[in-house]
Protein backbone atom coordinates (compact mmCIF):
# COMPACT_ATOMS: atom_id res chain seq x y z
CA UNK A 1 88.01 109.58 44.13
CA UNK A 2 87.89 108.36 47.73
CA UNK A 3 86.83 111.01 50.19
CA UNK A 4 88.43 110.09 53.51
CA UNK A 5 86.89 106.67 53.79
CA UNK A 6 83.70 107.43 51.90
CA UNK A 7 83.77 106.24 48.30
CA UNK A 8 82.05 108.36 45.69
CA UNK A 9 81.88 111.62 43.76
CA UNK A 10 78.22 112.61 44.07
CA UNK A 11 77.15 115.81 45.79
CA UNK A 12 75.15 113.63 48.20
CA UNK A 13 78.19 111.69 49.40
CA UNK A 14 80.19 114.93 49.61
CA UNK A 15 77.55 116.30 52.00
CA UNK A 16 77.71 113.13 54.11
CA UNK A 17 81.52 113.38 54.24
CA UNK A 18 81.26 116.99 55.39
CA UNK A 19 78.67 116.09 58.03
CA UNK A 20 80.94 113.31 59.31
CA UNK A 21 83.84 115.74 59.71
CA UNK A 22 81.70 118.19 61.69
CA UNK A 23 80.26 115.42 63.87
CA UNK A 24 83.73 114.05 64.66
CA UNK A 25 84.84 117.39 66.10
CA UNK A 26 82.42 117.23 69.03
CA UNK A 27 80.86 114.80 71.49
CA UNK A 28 77.31 115.75 70.53
CA UNK A 29 74.79 112.98 69.96
CA UNK A 30 74.31 111.93 66.34
CA UNK A 31 71.23 110.52 64.63
CA UNK A 32 71.96 108.73 61.33
CA UNK A 33 68.98 108.01 59.10
CA UNK A 34 68.57 106.09 55.86
CA UNK A 35 67.21 102.93 54.33
CA UNK A 36 68.54 99.49 55.25
CA UNK A 37 71.90 98.80 53.65
CA UNK A 38 72.97 102.39 52.92
CA UNK A 39 75.92 102.24 55.32
CA UNK A 40 74.74 103.79 58.59
CA UNK A 41 77.16 101.75 60.69
CA UNK A 42 79.99 102.70 58.33
CA UNK A 43 79.29 106.37 59.01
CA UNK A 44 79.08 105.76 62.76
CA UNK A 45 82.45 103.99 62.76
CA UNK A 46 84.01 106.75 60.69
CA UNK A 47 82.78 109.43 63.12
CA UNK A 48 84.31 107.46 65.99
CA UNK A 49 87.62 106.90 64.17
CA UNK A 50 87.96 110.61 63.37
CA UNK A 51 87.01 111.73 66.88
CA UNK A 52 89.12 112.23 69.99
CA UNK A 53 87.59 109.02 71.39
CA UNK A 54 89.20 106.76 68.78
CA UNK A 55 91.66 105.26 71.28
CA UNK A 56 88.76 103.69 73.13
CA UNK A 57 86.08 101.23 72.08
CA UNK A 58 83.19 101.63 69.69
CA UNK A 59 80.42 99.35 70.98
CA UNK A 60 77.75 98.54 68.34
CA UNK A 61 74.32 97.41 69.61
CA UNK A 62 71.54 96.12 67.35
CA UNK A 63 68.34 97.20 69.10
CA UNK A 64 66.15 95.31 66.60
CA UNK A 65 67.93 91.99 67.07
CA UNK A 66 67.71 91.79 70.88
CA UNK A 67 64.42 91.19 72.74
CA UNK A 68 63.46 93.84 75.29
CA UNK A 69 63.76 91.26 78.06
CA UNK A 70 67.49 91.06 77.32
CA UNK A 71 68.23 94.54 75.98
CA UNK A 72 68.13 96.27 79.38
CA UNK A 73 70.56 93.71 80.79
CA UNK A 74 72.87 94.03 77.79
CA UNK A 75 72.89 97.84 77.93
CA UNK A 76 73.10 98.43 81.68
CA UNK A 77 74.44 95.10 82.98
CA UNK A 78 72.92 93.06 85.81
CA UNK A 79 73.68 91.77 89.29
CA UNK A 80 73.84 88.15 90.31
CA UNK A 81 70.44 86.58 90.92
CA UNK A 82 68.46 89.34 89.18
CA UNK A 83 66.88 86.78 86.81
CA UNK A 84 67.23 83.16 85.75
CA UNK A 85 70.77 82.33 84.58
CA UNK A 86 72.20 85.52 86.13
CA UNK A 87 74.91 83.55 87.93
CA UNK A 88 77.29 86.49 88.35
CA UNK A 89 77.45 90.27 88.07
CA UNK A 90 77.84 91.47 84.50
CA UNK A 91 79.07 94.77 83.08
CA UNK A 92 76.76 96.26 80.46
CA UNK A 93 77.71 97.61 77.05
CA UNK A 94 77.38 101.24 78.16
CA UNK A 95 80.02 100.69 80.84
CA UNK A 96 82.20 98.81 78.35
CA UNK A 97 82.03 101.87 76.08
CA UNK A 98 83.25 104.26 78.79
CA UNK A 99 85.35 107.08 77.25
CA UNK A 100 84.43 105.69 73.84
CA UNK A 101 81.32 105.51 71.67
CA UNK A 102 78.14 103.44 71.75
CA UNK A 103 76.32 102.90 68.45
CA UNK A 104 72.62 102.10 68.87
CA UNK A 105 71.51 100.67 65.53
CA UNK A 106 67.77 100.63 64.72
CA UNK A 107 66.94 102.66 67.82
CA UNK A 108 63.43 103.14 66.41
CA UNK A 109 62.65 99.51 67.27
CA UNK A 110 63.04 100.08 71.03
CA UNK A 111 59.92 99.65 73.16
CA UNK A 112 58.59 102.66 75.07
CA UNK A 113 59.86 101.11 78.30
CA UNK A 114 63.40 100.82 76.92
CA UNK A 115 63.16 104.34 75.52
CA UNK A 116 62.42 105.61 79.04
CA UNK A 117 65.48 103.81 80.43
CA UNK A 118 67.69 105.19 77.67
CA UNK A 119 66.37 108.72 78.22
CA UNK A 120 67.18 108.54 81.93
CA UNK A 121 70.73 107.46 81.15
CA UNK A 122 71.20 110.24 78.58
CA UNK A 123 70.09 112.83 81.12
CA UNK A 124 72.58 111.95 83.86
CA UNK A 125 75.00 109.33 82.50
CA UNK A 126 74.35 107.07 85.48
CA UNK A 127 74.22 103.28 85.20
CA UNK A 128 71.84 101.22 87.30
CA UNK A 129 72.27 97.52 86.65
CA UNK A 130 69.23 95.28 86.34
CA UNK A 131 68.35 93.91 89.79
CA UNK A 132 70.37 96.51 91.67
CA UNK A 133 68.86 99.12 93.99
CA UNK A 134 71.80 101.50 93.69
CA UNK A 135 73.42 103.26 90.77
CA UNK A 136 76.69 101.51 89.99
CA UNK A 137 78.60 104.35 88.36
CA UNK A 138 78.56 107.28 85.99
CA UNK A 139 80.05 106.71 82.54
CA UNK A 140 81.42 109.04 79.88
CA UNK A 141 80.21 107.67 76.56
CA UNK A 142 79.21 109.26 73.29
CA UNK A 143 75.92 107.99 71.83
CA UNK A 144 75.39 107.63 68.07
CA UNK A 145 72.04 106.24 66.91
CA UNK A 146 70.75 105.02 63.57
CA UNK A 147 67.32 104.14 62.21
CA UNK A 148 65.59 103.31 58.95
CA UNK A 149 62.32 104.59 60.41
CA UNK A 150 60.82 108.07 60.28
CA UNK A 151 61.11 108.81 63.99
CA UNK A 152 59.16 112.05 63.74
CA UNK A 153 56.16 110.14 62.33
CA UNK A 154 56.54 107.55 65.09
CA UNK A 155 56.47 110.39 67.62
CA UNK A 156 53.12 111.48 66.15
CA UNK A 157 51.69 107.97 66.51
CA UNK A 158 52.99 107.60 70.07
CA UNK A 159 55.47 104.84 69.18
CA UNK A 160 58.53 106.94 70.02
CA UNK A 161 59.03 109.38 72.87
CA UNK A 162 59.17 113.00 71.77
CA UNK A 163 61.64 113.96 74.51
CA UNK A 164 63.98 111.13 73.49
CA UNK A 165 63.71 112.10 69.83
CA UNK A 166 64.90 115.63 70.50
CA UNK A 167 67.59 114.37 72.86
CA UNK A 168 69.05 112.15 70.11
CA UNK A 169 68.50 114.47 67.14
CA UNK A 170 71.34 116.92 67.86
CA UNK A 171 73.47 116.26 64.77
CA UNK A 172 71.51 114.56 62.02
CA UNK A 173 73.10 112.80 59.05
CA UNK A 174 70.76 111.60 56.30
CA UNK A 175 72.31 109.00 53.98
CA UNK A 176 70.60 108.88 50.58
CA UNK A 177 69.75 105.54 48.95
CA UNK A 178 72.10 104.26 46.26
CA UNK A 179 69.50 104.83 43.51
CA UNK A 180 69.73 108.58 44.20
CA UNK A 181 73.51 108.68 43.68
CA UNK A 182 74.10 106.31 40.78
CA UNK A 183 77.23 108.23 39.74
CA UNK A 184 78.93 106.67 42.79
CA UNK A 185 78.32 103.10 41.60
CA UNK A 186 81.38 102.75 39.29
CA UNK A 187 83.64 104.02 42.09
CA UNK A 188 82.05 101.70 44.64
CA UNK A 189 82.33 98.71 42.29
CA UNK A 190 86.01 99.40 41.61
CA UNK A 191 86.73 99.84 45.33
CA UNK A 192 84.86 96.64 46.25
CA UNK A 193 86.52 94.62 43.48
CA UNK A 194 89.94 95.57 44.83
CA UNK A 195 89.05 94.93 48.47
CA UNK A 196 87.20 91.65 47.92
CA UNK A 197 89.83 90.32 45.51
CA UNK A 198 92.40 90.68 48.27
CA UNK A 199 90.05 88.99 50.73
CA UNK A 200 89.51 85.98 48.45
CA UNK A 201 93.10 86.00 47.13
CA UNK A 202 92.20 86.25 43.46
CA UNK A 203 93.22 88.66 40.72
CA UNK A 204 91.08 91.77 40.54
CA UNK A 205 88.63 91.23 37.64
CA UNK A 206 87.76 93.88 35.08
CA UNK A 207 84.19 94.92 34.31
CA UNK A 208 82.86 95.15 30.76
CA UNK A 209 81.34 98.53 29.87
CA UNK A 210 77.89 96.98 29.23
CA UNK A 211 78.04 95.26 32.62
CA UNK A 212 78.82 98.52 34.38
CA UNK A 213 75.98 100.24 32.50
CA UNK A 214 73.52 97.67 33.85
CA UNK A 215 74.88 98.04 37.37
CA UNK A 216 74.39 101.80 37.16
CA UNK A 217 70.84 101.47 35.74
CA UNK A 218 69.66 99.04 38.42
CA UNK A 219 67.82 100.69 41.33
CA UNK A 220 69.40 98.66 44.18
CA UNK A 221 66.54 98.19 46.67
CA UNK A 222 69.09 96.66 49.08
CA UNK A 223 71.45 99.63 48.59
CA UNK A 224 75.21 99.35 49.14
CA UNK A 225 74.87 96.06 51.04
CA UNK A 226 73.17 94.46 48.02
CA UNK A 227 75.82 95.88 45.68
CA UNK A 228 78.59 94.45 47.84
CA UNK A 229 76.97 91.01 47.85
CA UNK A 230 76.72 91.04 44.05
CA UNK A 231 80.33 92.19 43.63
CA UNK A 232 81.57 89.51 46.02
CA UNK A 233 79.70 86.86 44.03
CA UNK A 234 81.31 88.11 40.83
CA UNK A 235 84.76 88.07 42.42
CA UNK A 236 84.38 84.52 43.72
CA UNK A 237 83.14 83.26 40.33
CA UNK A 238 85.47 85.35 38.19
CA UNK A 239 87.62 83.85 35.45
CA UNK A 240 89.85 85.20 32.72
CA UNK A 241 88.39 88.08 30.79
CA UNK A 242 86.10 90.95 31.85
CA UNK A 243 82.84 90.40 33.74
CA UNK A 244 80.03 90.22 31.17
CA UNK A 245 76.34 91.15 31.62
CA UNK A 246 75.40 87.46 31.39
CA UNK A 247 77.24 86.87 34.68
CA UNK A 248 74.94 89.26 36.56
CA UNK A 249 71.78 88.10 38.39
CA UNK A 250 68.74 88.16 36.13
CA UNK A 251 67.01 91.37 37.36
CA UNK A 252 70.24 93.32 36.84
CA UNK A 253 71.31 91.62 33.61
CA UNK A 254 67.90 92.13 31.96
CA UNK A 255 67.26 95.56 33.44
CA UNK A 256 63.90 94.36 34.79
CA UNK A 257 62.58 96.06 37.90
CA UNK A 258 59.48 94.31 39.29
CA UNK A 259 58.44 97.39 41.27
CA UNK A 260 58.19 99.39 38.03
CA UNK A 261 55.36 97.15 36.90
CA UNK A 262 53.50 97.90 40.14
CA UNK A 263 53.93 101.64 39.68
CA UNK A 264 52.29 101.49 36.23
CA UNK A 265 48.97 100.59 37.89
CA UNK A 266 48.45 103.28 40.54
CA UNK A 267 45.05 101.86 41.45
CA UNK A 268 46.76 98.76 42.84
CA UNK A 269 48.76 99.40 46.02
CA UNK A 270 52.25 97.95 46.15
CA UNK A 271 52.42 94.84 48.33
CA UNK A 272 53.99 95.23 51.75
CA UNK A 273 57.44 93.90 52.50
CA UNK A 274 55.86 91.16 54.60
CA UNK A 275 53.57 90.13 51.73
CA UNK A 276 56.53 89.96 49.33
CA UNK A 277 58.41 87.72 51.76
CA UNK A 278 55.32 85.59 52.29
CA UNK A 279 54.87 85.17 48.53
CA UNK A 280 58.53 84.24 48.16
CA UNK A 281 57.92 81.29 50.46
CA UNK A 282 54.39 80.24 49.56
CA UNK A 283 54.45 80.88 45.81
CA UNK A 284 58.08 80.43 44.85
CA UNK A 285 58.56 77.70 47.47
CA UNK A 286 61.72 79.14 49.06
CA UNK A 287 62.61 78.34 52.67
CA UNK A 288 62.01 80.58 55.70
CA UNK A 289 65.65 80.31 56.75
CA UNK A 290 66.90 81.92 53.53
CA UNK A 291 64.01 84.33 52.85
CA UNK A 292 63.37 85.72 56.36
CA UNK A 293 65.90 84.41 58.89
CA UNK A 294 69.09 85.40 57.05
CA UNK A 295 67.97 88.98 56.19
CA UNK A 296 66.73 89.41 59.77
CA UNK A 297 70.06 88.33 61.23
CA UNK A 298 71.90 90.70 58.87
CA UNK A 299 69.53 93.53 59.96
CA UNK A 300 67.82 93.96 56.60
CA UNK A 301 64.51 93.11 58.28
CA UNK A 302 63.16 94.48 61.54
CA UNK A 303 61.30 92.69 64.30
CA UNK A 304 58.13 94.38 63.03
CA UNK A 305 58.70 92.84 59.57
CA UNK A 306 59.23 89.42 61.17
CA UNK A 307 56.02 89.65 63.16
CA UNK A 308 54.07 90.74 60.08
CA UNK A 309 55.28 87.68 58.12
CA UNK A 310 54.37 85.34 60.98
CA UNK A 311 50.94 86.96 61.23
CA UNK A 312 50.28 86.30 57.53
CA UNK A 313 51.39 82.69 57.93
CA UNK A 314 49.29 82.04 61.04
CA UNK A 315 46.27 83.52 59.29
CA UNK A 316 46.70 80.96 56.51
CA UNK A 317 47.45 78.04 58.88
CA UNK A 318 44.61 78.95 61.27
CA UNK A 319 47.02 79.38 64.16
CA UNK A 320 49.00 76.17 63.64
CA UNK A 321 52.73 76.63 64.09
CA UNK A 322 53.34 73.12 62.78
CA UNK A 323 51.36 74.04 59.70
CA UNK A 324 53.42 77.20 59.46
CA UNK A 325 56.65 75.17 59.36
CA UNK A 326 55.38 73.28 56.32
CA UNK A 327 53.89 76.41 54.72
CA UNK A 328 57.27 78.14 54.97
CA UNK A 329 59.05 75.13 53.43
CA UNK A 330 60.97 73.95 56.48
CA UNK A 331 61.45 70.28 57.37
CA UNK A 332 59.35 69.06 60.31
CA UNK A 333 62.45 68.59 62.45
CA UNK A 334 63.01 72.39 62.35
CA UNK A 335 59.84 72.94 64.43
CA UNK A 336 61.59 73.51 67.79
CA UNK A 337 64.35 75.60 66.25
CA UNK A 338 61.70 77.76 64.55
CA UNK A 339 59.73 78.31 67.77
CA UNK A 340 62.87 79.08 69.77
CA UNK A 341 63.87 81.69 67.19
CA UNK A 342 60.43 83.35 67.33
CA UNK A 343 60.37 83.38 71.13
CA UNK A 344 63.89 84.78 71.36
CA UNK A 345 62.94 87.72 69.15
CA UNK A 346 59.43 88.22 70.56
CA UNK A 347 57.68 87.19 67.34
CA UNK A 348 55.79 84.19 68.79
CA UNK A 349 52.21 85.42 68.46
CA UNK A 350 49.21 84.07 70.46
CA UNK A 351 47.23 81.60 68.38
CA UNK A 352 43.71 82.22 69.71
CA UNK A 353 42.77 85.03 67.35
CA UNK A 354 43.85 83.00 64.33
CA UNK A 355 41.96 79.87 65.36
CA UNK A 356 38.77 81.88 65.72
CA UNK A 357 38.94 83.21 62.15
CA UNK A 358 36.28 82.02 59.74
CA UNK A 359 36.62 81.39 56.04
CA UNK A 360 40.37 81.93 55.81
CA UNK A 361 41.79 80.86 52.45
CA UNK A 362 44.52 78.31 52.99
CA UNK A 363 47.74 78.73 51.06
CA UNK A 364 48.17 75.84 48.63
CA UNK A 365 51.47 74.24 47.61
CA UNK A 366 52.53 75.27 44.14
CA UNK A 367 53.73 72.71 41.64
CA UNK A 368 57.09 72.84 39.93
CA UNK A 369 55.58 74.56 36.91
CA UNK A 370 54.23 77.60 38.85
CA UNK A 371 55.68 80.92 39.05
CA UNK A 372 82.12 96.81 53.50
CA UNK A 373 81.71 98.21 54.79
CA UNK A 374 81.34 100.83 52.21
CA UNK A 375 79.48 103.74 51.66
CA UNK A 376 82.15 103.14 52.28
CA UNK A 377 85.12 102.54 54.29
CA UNK A 378 87.42 99.56 54.22
């Protein structure tokens, strides 16, 4: 059964669908929470489409993917000459969303300075462009935010403003991870098979019962986004006959869950996300561009995750960014591209503290023998 544009039959997805309907009836601010990949942007778009603002724009903004030095300009606009390369006046995203909706994704990654600017706008709706001494205009825009962070805990640690938290947390929609609503998986798979088959212009493949059982049993750490990627791969590589378990990626086909092994030894803490990414590059010899860059650009990793990975690498390379390029399995000619990426996203860390470290164990190369958008709407 497809509920509006939310696919599933679980009580959890029914609650989300009901929350979406209530949120769409008003202009109140909405805070959407949930792990990466659960479909927060899907819910935001659905709220907009069902609301009275649907004739105007929905403007999505990824707060984690834009450095603070640019985010203020992107949100509020700027005037000519306000900074280098500001050759003309520019309208910000909030003005572009006038009479529509602005979706602030990963709002928990905003700096305290940006949080103060956002709070001021929410209080009076007035836009003051970067470099201007006067307020340009007042805009009528609905604000929907999303985060995979626990904002209340970040309020306690001083990383998120308490007044902004309560300003945003008017209507709250919590989206459960896919592992907590496994009964939705067969419906999601069927929906995705149909949609992606049309996209790739192939016949819709069938799924063997054993294959579906393995899909349902898997815990999906990447949630609906990971499921969609797997289904798309199956569609692209499909042939005559049903999809068999042998066609699934190994962790799903074998039913192995690496994190289960960690849970069996409670005395050993589970490695951090940054450590897992670091090991993927230094132990399994995979490249930074596939392990870190691609997930970061698709918003599966935050700027904090990126900085943590770089910190681990600089600790091992004793502060050498050239050594870091080799450690993360990039060709030497990628050095400038790598540094430009880190600077753009404020992950270029000072090297002095790492060069002063004593007795750091250097990571060693390992030989060859070593180890839709749906919740979801189409």
